[in-house]
């Protein structure tokens, strides 16, 4: 029974060894058949693609960020209150991944695109000495930006006090490499920022469910195998004793 007990002990204590950020919003729940059994699948909400113009005058989109984790916030260059502070804290985040900058992209989206021209975006970005490759300051169509914030990122759920007429939130929004919302973090809360720094590389370790491990189908048979090993050990001991007698 020792191998079997060892299996269940490891299974029990390892199930929460890595705490993955939650998936928050889903579009549907579907039933599918797998090996003759009905399995329930949750179709998680995937943020749609959207295009912008960044501080370098380039047209960029979320589709350009294949396999990257994405951190998004909202700002405007004339903001006299929270935006500079959020930018400073985002810069600290960017500096945290300076040696692994290929895994994450930071995007600051203007909520005042009529006034935030490319030169204004570049001036604001240079003010914080950012890496322009891994942090985009972008502007786009205002209606599309607001639809993106409320319908795709669910900003009004993350921040119940948000003004639907003018987005001004302190939150950073985290998207995984499949563009599924995995959390939002107050940009002025040091504890939340530390959690965000931890969650970004954790998401990179997450296994793509569409490419399951070749051992996944083998796992259900492990208890049987361990029982078999235990039986063999018991039989060997009994035969040894019988031989001695």
Protein backbone atom coordinates (compact mmCIF):
# COMPACT_ATOMS: atom_id res chain seq x y z
CA UNK A 1 0.00 0.00 0.00
CA UNK A 2 3.02 2.31 0.32
CA UNK A 3 3.22 3.23 -3.41
CA UNK A 4 -0.52 3.89 -3.53
CA UNK A 5 -0.41 6.02 -0.37
CA UNK A 6 2.56 7.93 -1.80
CA UNK A 7 0.64 8.66 -5.00
CA UNK A 8 -2.37 10.12 -3.16
CA UNK A 9 -0.20 12.16 -0.79
CA UNK A 10 1.67 13.75 -3.69
CA UNK A 11 -1.57 14.35 -5.59
CA UNK A 12 -3.20 16.02 -2.58
CA UNK A 13 -0.35 18.33 -1.61
CA UNK A 14 0.70 19.28 -5.14
CA UNK A 15 -2.70 20.30 -6.53
CA UNK A 16 -2.31 23.88 -5.26
CA UNK A 17 1.46 24.11 -5.56
CA UNK A 18 1.23 26.75 -8.32
CA UNK A 19 -1.58 29.28 -8.00
CA UNK A 20 -2.59 30.34 -11.48
CA UNK A 21 -4.45 33.65 -11.91
CA UNK A 22 -8.16 33.03 -12.38
CA UNK A 23 -10.05 33.31 -15.65
CA UNK A 24 -12.87 35.75 -15.00
CA UNK A 25 -15.29 35.97 -17.92
CA UNK A 26 -16.77 33.32 -20.17
CA UNK A 27 -18.86 33.46 -23.33
CA UNK A 28 -20.48 30.04 -23.22
CA UNK A 29 -20.51 26.58 -21.64
CA UNK A 30 -20.57 23.70 -24.10
CA UNK A 31 -20.87 19.92 -23.94
CA UNK A 32 -18.55 17.68 -25.90
CA UNK A 33 -17.92 13.96 -26.10
CA UNK A 34 -14.59 12.51 -25.01
CA UNK A 35 -14.00 8.75 -24.96
CA UNK A 36 -17.75 8.19 -24.85
CA UNK A 37 -18.28 10.55 -21.91
CA UNK A 38 -19.93 13.94 -21.86
CA UNK A 39 -17.47 16.65 -20.80
CA UNK A 40 -18.42 20.23 -19.93
CA UNK A 41 -16.14 22.92 -21.37
CA UNK A 42 -16.11 26.62 -20.54
CA UNK A 43 -15.49 28.91 -23.50
CA UNK A 44 -13.55 31.72 -21.88
CA UNK A 45 -13.92 35.24 -23.21
CA UNK A 46 -11.06 36.04 -25.58
CA UNK A 47 -10.41 39.75 -26.05
CA UNK A 48 -10.92 40.75 -29.67
CA UNK A 49 -8.20 42.28 -31.76
CA UNK A 50 -7.96 46.05 -31.96
CA UNK A 51 -5.61 48.33 -33.91
CA UNK A 52 -3.94 51.54 -32.77
CA UNK A 53 -1.26 54.03 -33.73
CA UNK A 54 1.61 54.03 -31.26
CA UNK A 55 4.08 56.71 -30.12
CA UNK A 56 6.41 55.86 -33.03
CA UNK A 57 3.66 56.46 -35.59
CA UNK A 58 3.32 52.75 -36.37
CA UNK A 59 0.05 50.90 -36.76
CA UNK A 60 0.02 48.11 -34.18
CA UNK A 61 -2.54 45.59 -33.00
CA UNK A 62 -3.00 42.86 -30.42
CA UNK A 63 -2.59 40.30 -33.18
CA UNK A 64 1.04 41.44 -33.48
CA UNK A 65 1.79 40.10 -30.00
CA UNK A 66 1.88 36.39 -30.68
CA UNK A 67 2.34 34.41 -27.48
CA UNK A 68 2.99 37.44 -25.27
CA UNK A 69 1.45 38.32 -21.93
CA UNK A 70 -0.20 41.77 -22.13
CA UNK A 71 -0.58 44.44 -19.45
CA UNK A 72 -2.95 47.31 -20.32
CA UNK A 73 -3.86 50.59 -18.68
CA UNK A 74 -5.71 53.75 -19.74
CA UNK A 75 -4.38 57.31 -19.68
CA UNK A 76 -4.31 60.64 -21.47
CA UNK A 77 -1.30 62.89 -21.90
CA UNK A 78 -2.91 66.02 -20.41
CA UNK A 79 -3.89 64.15 -17.23
CA UNK A 80 -2.81 66.17 -14.15
CA UNK A 81 -3.66 63.51 -11.57
CA UNK A 82 -3.24 59.73 -11.66
CA UNK A 83 -1.75 59.12 -15.13
CA UNK A 84 1.85 60.19 -14.38
CA UNK A 85 1.83 58.06 -11.23
CA UNK A 86 0.47 55.06 -13.14
CA UNK A 87 3.14 55.54 -15.79
CA UNK A 88 5.91 55.58 -13.16
CA UNK A 89 4.60 52.36 -11.65
CA UNK A 90 4.25 50.75 -15.08
CA UNK A 91 7.88 51.73 -15.74
CA UNK A 92 8.88 49.81 -12.62
CA UNK A 93 7.02 46.82 -14.03
CA UNK A 94 8.85 47.16 -17.33
CA UNK A 95 12.18 47.38 -15.52
CA UNK A 96 11.32 44.17 -13.65
CA UNK A 97 11.35 42.29 -16.96
CA UNK A 98 14.26 44.02 -18.64
CA UNK A 99 16.12 40.70 -18.91
CA UNK A 100 13.02 38.83 -20.11
CA UNK A 101 11.27 41.54 -22.10
CA UNK A 102 10.15 39.12 -24.80
CA UNK A 103 7.45 37.59 -22.58
CA UNK A 104 5.35 40.69 -21.84
CA UNK A 105 4.04 43.75 -23.67
CA UNK A 106 2.82 46.88 -21.91
CA UNK A 107 0.16 49.02 -23.58
CA UNK A 108 -1.13 52.40 -22.39
CA UNK A 109 -4.29 53.32 -24.28
CA UNK A 110 -5.30 56.96 -24.64
CA UNK A 111 -8.89 57.77 -23.71
CA UNK A 112 -8.52 61.21 -25.30
CA UNK A 113 -7.39 60.37 -28.86
CA UNK A 114 -8.58 63.72 -30.28
CA UNK A 115 -5.80 65.50 -28.40
CA UNK A 116 -3.23 62.71 -28.07
CA UNK A 117 -1.39 62.89 -31.37
CA UNK A 118 1.69 60.82 -32.16
CA UNK A 119 4.07 63.62 -31.04
CA UNK A 120 2.16 63.98 -27.77
CA UNK A 121 2.29 60.23 -27.18
CA UNK A 122 6.03 60.19 -27.90
CA UNK A 123 6.66 63.16 -25.62
CA UNK A 124 4.76 61.48 -22.77
CA UNK A 125 6.61 58.17 -23.29
CA UNK A 126 10.02 59.85 -23.40
CA UNK A 127 9.22 61.59 -20.15
CA UNK A 128 9.47 58.19 -18.43
CA UNK A 129 12.39 56.85 -20.50
CA UNK A 130 10.48 53.75 -21.58
CA UNK A 131 11.53 50.99 -23.92
CA UNK A 132 9.41 51.83 -26.96
CA UNK A 133 9.53 48.26 -28.27
CA UNK A 134 7.90 46.63 -25.24
CA UNK A 135 5.67 49.49 -24.12
CA UNK A 136 3.27 51.12 -26.54
CA UNK A 137 1.47 54.38 -25.88
CA UNK A 138 -1.38 54.21 -28.35
CA UNK A 139 -4.38 56.10 -29.64
CA UNK A 140 -7.22 54.90 -31.84
CA UNK A 141 -10.83 55.46 -32.72
CA UNK A 142 -12.52 56.69 -29.52
CA UNK A 143 -15.66 54.58 -29.93
CA UNK A 144 -13.60 51.46 -30.60
CA UNK A 145 -11.39 52.19 -27.58
CA UNK A 146 -14.36 52.62 -25.26
CA UNK A 147 -16.10 49.52 -26.63
CA UNK A 148 -12.86 47.63 -26.11
CA UNK A 149 -12.58 48.82 -22.51
CA UNK A 150 -16.14 48.02 -21.49
CA UNK A 151 -17.06 45.04 -23.69
CA UNK A 152 -13.73 43.24 -23.97
CA UNK A 153 -11.79 44.09 -20.79
CA UNK A 154 -14.98 44.48 -18.71
CA UNK A 155 -13.53 47.64 -17.15
CA UNK A 156 -16.79 48.58 -15.44
CA UNK A 157 -16.77 45.25 -13.58
CA UNK A 158 -13.16 45.69 -12.49
CA UNK A 159 -13.88 49.26 -11.36
CA UNK A 160 -17.49 49.92 -10.36
CA UNK A 161 -16.81 53.66 -10.03
CA UNK A 162 -15.53 54.10 -13.57
CA UNK A 163 -17.06 56.93 -15.60
CA UNK A 164 -18.49 55.47 -18.80
CA UNK A 165 -18.19 58.87 -20.49
CA UNK A 166 -14.50 59.22 -19.71
CA UNK A 167 -12.42 56.22 -18.64
CA UNK A 168 -10.17 57.13 -15.74
CA UNK A 169 -9.25 53.99 -13.82
CA UNK A 170 -6.25 53.12 -11.66
CA UNK A 171 -6.30 49.47 -12.77
CA UNK A 172 -3.78 47.53 -14.81
CA UNK A 173 -5.43 44.71 -16.80
CA UNK A 174 -3.61 41.41 -17.33
CA UNK A 175 -4.22 39.25 -20.42
CA UNK A 176 -2.63 35.86 -20.97
CA UNK A 177 -1.04 34.74 -24.24
CA UNK A 178 -4.51 33.71 -25.51
CA UNK A 179 -5.86 37.19 -24.69
CA UNK A 180 -8.08 35.96 -21.85
CA UNK A 181 -8.49 38.39 -18.93
CA UNK A 182 -6.64 36.96 -15.92
CA UNK A 183 -6.92 39.84 -13.49
CA UNK A 184 -6.80 43.55 -12.75
CA UNK A 185 -4.51 45.26 -10.28
CA UNK A 186 -4.64 48.69 -8.66
CA UNK A 187 -1.70 50.62 -10.07
CA UNK A 188 -1.04 52.36 -6.76
CA UNK A 189 -1.23 49.31 -4.49
CA UNK A 190 2.29 47.95 -3.89
CA UNK A 191 0.98 44.55 -2.83
CA UNK A 192 -1.11 44.26 -6.00
CA UNK A 193 1.87 45.33 -8.09
CA UNK A 194 4.01 42.63 -6.48
CA UNK A 195 1.28 40.11 -7.29
CA UNK A 196 1.23 41.28 -10.91
CA UNK A 197 5.02 40.88 -11.17
CA UNK A 198 4.58 37.31 -9.90
CA UNK A 199 1.57 36.47 -12.08
CA UNK A 200 3.21 37.42 -15.40
CA UNK A 201 5.90 34.68 -15.42
CA UNK A 202 3.45 32.24 -13.80
CA UNK A 203 1.17 32.57 -16.82
CA UNK A 204 4.09 31.77 -19.10
CA UNK A 205 4.33 28.38 -17.36
CA UNK A 206 0.69 27.58 -18.05
CA UNK A 207 0.22 24.62 -20.34
CA UNK A 208 -1.80 25.21 -23.49
CA UNK A 209 -4.92 23.08 -23.03
CA UNK A 210 -5.08 22.56 -26.78
CA UNK A 211 -1.69 20.81 -26.61
CA UNK A 212 -2.09 18.43 -23.67
CA UNK A 213 0.80 16.47 -22.27
CA UNK A 214 1.29 13.04 -23.83
CA UNK A 215 1.16 11.68 -20.27
CA UNK A 216 -2.30 13.10 -19.54
CA UNK A 217 -4.08 9.97 -20.77
CA UNK A 218 -1.68 7.86 -18.74
CA UNK A 219 -2.47 9.55 -15.39
CA UNK A 220 -5.82 7.78 -14.64
CA UNK A 221 -4.02 4.42 -14.79
CA UNK A 222 -1.37 5.37 -12.21
CA UNK A 223 -3.36 4.06 -9.20
CA UNK A 224 -3.81 0.70 -10.93
CA UNK A 225 -0.09 0.57 -11.72
CA UNK A 226 0.85 1.42 -8.14
CA UNK A 227 -1.56 -1.22 -6.81
CA UNK A 228 0.01 -3.71 -9.18
CA UNK A 229 3.47 -2.80 -7.89
CA UNK A 230 2.22 -3.21 -4.32
CA UNK A 231 0.72 -6.63 -5.12
CA UNK A 232 4.00 -7.76 -6.70
CA UNK A 233 5.92 -6.63 -3.61
CA UNK A 234 3.51 -8.49 -1.28
CA UNK A 235 3.66 -11.68 -3.38
CA UNK A 236 7.46 -11.49 -3.49
CA UNK A 237 7.61 -11.18 0.31
CA UNK A 238 5.17 -14.07 0.81
CA UNK A 239 7.05 -16.30 -1.62
CA UNK A 240 10.31 -15.42 0.11
CA UNK A 241 8.92 -16.43 3.48
CA UNK A 242 7.48 -19.64 2.04
CA UNK A 243 10.84 -20.52 0.53
CA UNK A 244 12.55 -19.92 3.87
CA UNK A 245 10.08 -22.27 5.59
